[in-house]
Each structure stands twice: as C-alpha cells, then as structure tokens.
Amino acid sequence: MKQASAVGMTSNTIRLEENTSEDDVLRHIHALNDDAM
C-alpha cells in the first residue's frame, strides 16, 4: 500500500517541480522516504 501511495505522490512531485526549486523537491522526496520507513 505504501508503494502505491508513493507512486501517486511522485506524480504530484513531478507536477510541482515546475513551481519549486530542485532543493524543495529533494526535501519533499526525503520526507516521503522517511514516511515510508
């Protein structure tokens, strides 16, 4: 289930990349990884 939700969040992250800096995206991804663990 966590993998499925991560895939959904990834599509949101890709859409957000246009409006956020790379560092913000990386922070968001690291936060998702922390949630998955």
N, C-alpha and C. Protein backbone atom coordinates (compact mmCIF):
# COMPACT_ATOMS: atom_id res chain seq x y z
N MET A 1 0.84 -1.21 0.00
CA MET A 1 0.00 0.00 0.00
C MET A 1 0.88 1.26 0.00
N LYS A 2 1.95 1.24 0.77
CA LYS A 2 2.82 2.43 0.83
C LYS A 2 3.46 2.70 -0.53
N GLN A 3 3.83 1.62 -1.25
CA GLN A 3 4.42 1.83 -2.58
C GLN A 3 3.40 2.48 -3.52
N ALA A 4 2.14 2.03 -3.45
CA ALA A 4 1.10 2.58 -4.32
C ALA A 4 0.91 4.07 -4.03
N SER A 5 0.87 4.45 -2.75
CA SER A 5 0.67 5.85 -2.41
C SER A 5 1.91 6.67 -2.81
N ALA A 6 3.09 6.07 -2.71
CA ALA A 6 4.31 6.78 -3.11
C ALA A 6 4.28 7.09 -4.60
N VAL A 7 3.74 6.16 -5.39
CA VAL A 7 3.64 6.40 -6.83
C VAL A 7 2.72 7.58 -7.09
N GLY A 8 1.61 7.66 -6.38
CA GLY A 8 0.69 8.78 -6.53
C GLY A 8 1.36 10.09 -6.14
N MET A 9 2.11 10.08 -5.04
CA MET A 9 2.79 11.28 -4.60
C MET A 9 3.88 11.70 -5.58
N THR A 10 4.52 10.72 -6.23
CA THR A 10 5.57 11.04 -7.18
C THR A 10 5.01 11.85 -8.35
N SER A 11 3.83 11.47 -8.84
CA SER A 11 3.22 12.22 -9.94
C SER A 11 2.94 13.65 -9.49
N ASN A 12 2.55 13.83 -8.23
CA ASN A 12 2.32 15.18 -7.71
C ASN A 12 3.63 15.95 -7.64
N THR A 13 4.70 15.28 -7.23
CA THR A 13 6.00 15.93 -7.13
C THR A 13 6.46 16.40 -8.51
N ILE A 14 6.27 15.57 -9.53
CA ILE A 14 6.68 15.94 -10.88
C ILE A 14 5.93 17.19 -11.32
N ARG A 15 4.64 17.26 -11.00
CA ARG A 15 3.87 18.44 -11.37
C ARG A 15 4.36 19.66 -10.60
N LEU A 16 4.77 19.48 -9.35
CA LEU A 16 5.22 20.60 -8.52
C LEU A 16 6.59 21.13 -8.95
N GLU A 17 7.37 20.29 -9.62
CA GLU A 17 8.74 20.69 -9.98
C GLU A 17 8.76 22.00 -10.77
N GLU A 18 7.74 22.25 -11.57
CA GLU A 18 7.71 23.48 -12.37
C GLU A 18 7.71 24.72 -11.48
N ASN A 19 7.10 24.61 -10.29
CA ASN A 19 6.92 25.78 -9.43
C ASN A 19 7.84 25.80 -8.21
N THR A 20 8.66 24.76 -8.04
CA THR A 20 9.53 24.71 -6.87
C THR A 20 10.98 24.48 -7.30
N SER A 21 11.88 24.85 -6.43
CA SER A 21 13.29 24.63 -6.73
C SER A 21 13.64 23.17 -6.55
N GLU A 22 14.77 22.78 -7.12
CA GLU A 22 15.19 21.38 -7.02
C GLU A 22 15.37 20.97 -5.55
N ASP A 23 15.90 21.88 -4.73
CA ASP A 23 16.12 21.57 -3.31
C ASP A 23 14.79 21.27 -2.62
N ASP A 24 13.75 22.04 -2.96
CA ASP A 24 12.44 21.81 -2.35
C ASP A 24 11.93 20.43 -2.73
N VAL A 25 12.11 20.07 -4.00
CA VAL A 25 11.65 18.75 -4.45
C VAL A 25 12.41 17.65 -3.72
N LEU A 26 13.73 17.81 -3.58
CA LEU A 26 14.52 16.80 -2.88
C LEU A 26 14.09 16.68 -1.43
N ARG A 27 13.80 17.81 -0.78
CA ARG A 27 13.34 17.77 0.61
C ARG A 27 12.02 17.00 0.69
N HIS A 28 11.14 17.25 -0.27
CA HIS A 28 9.84 16.57 -0.29
C HIS A 28 10.03 15.07 -0.45
N ILE A 29 10.93 14.67 -1.36
CA ILE A 29 11.18 13.24 -1.59
C ILE A 29 11.78 12.61 -0.34
N HIS A 30 12.73 13.29 0.31
CA HIS A 30 13.32 12.74 1.54
C HIS A 30 12.24 12.58 2.60
N ALA A 31 11.30 13.52 2.70
CA ALA A 31 10.22 13.42 3.67
C ALA A 31 9.36 12.20 3.36
N LEU A 32 9.09 11.96 2.06
CA LEU A 32 8.30 10.79 1.69
C LEU A 32 9.03 9.51 2.08
N ASN A 33 10.35 9.48 1.86
CA ASN A 33 11.14 8.29 2.22
C ASN A 33 11.09 8.06 3.73
N ASP A 34 11.13 9.13 4.51
CA ASP A 34 11.06 8.99 5.97
C ASP A 34 9.70 8.41 6.35
N ASP A 35 8.63 8.87 5.69
CA ASP A 35 7.29 8.36 5.99
C ASP A 35 7.19 6.87 5.65
N ALA A 36 7.85 6.45 4.59
CA ALA A 36 7.76 5.05 4.15
C ALA A 36 8.47 4.11 5.12
N MET A 37 9.43 4.63 5.88
CA MET A 37 10.18 3.78 6.79
C MET A 37 9.55 3.70 8.15
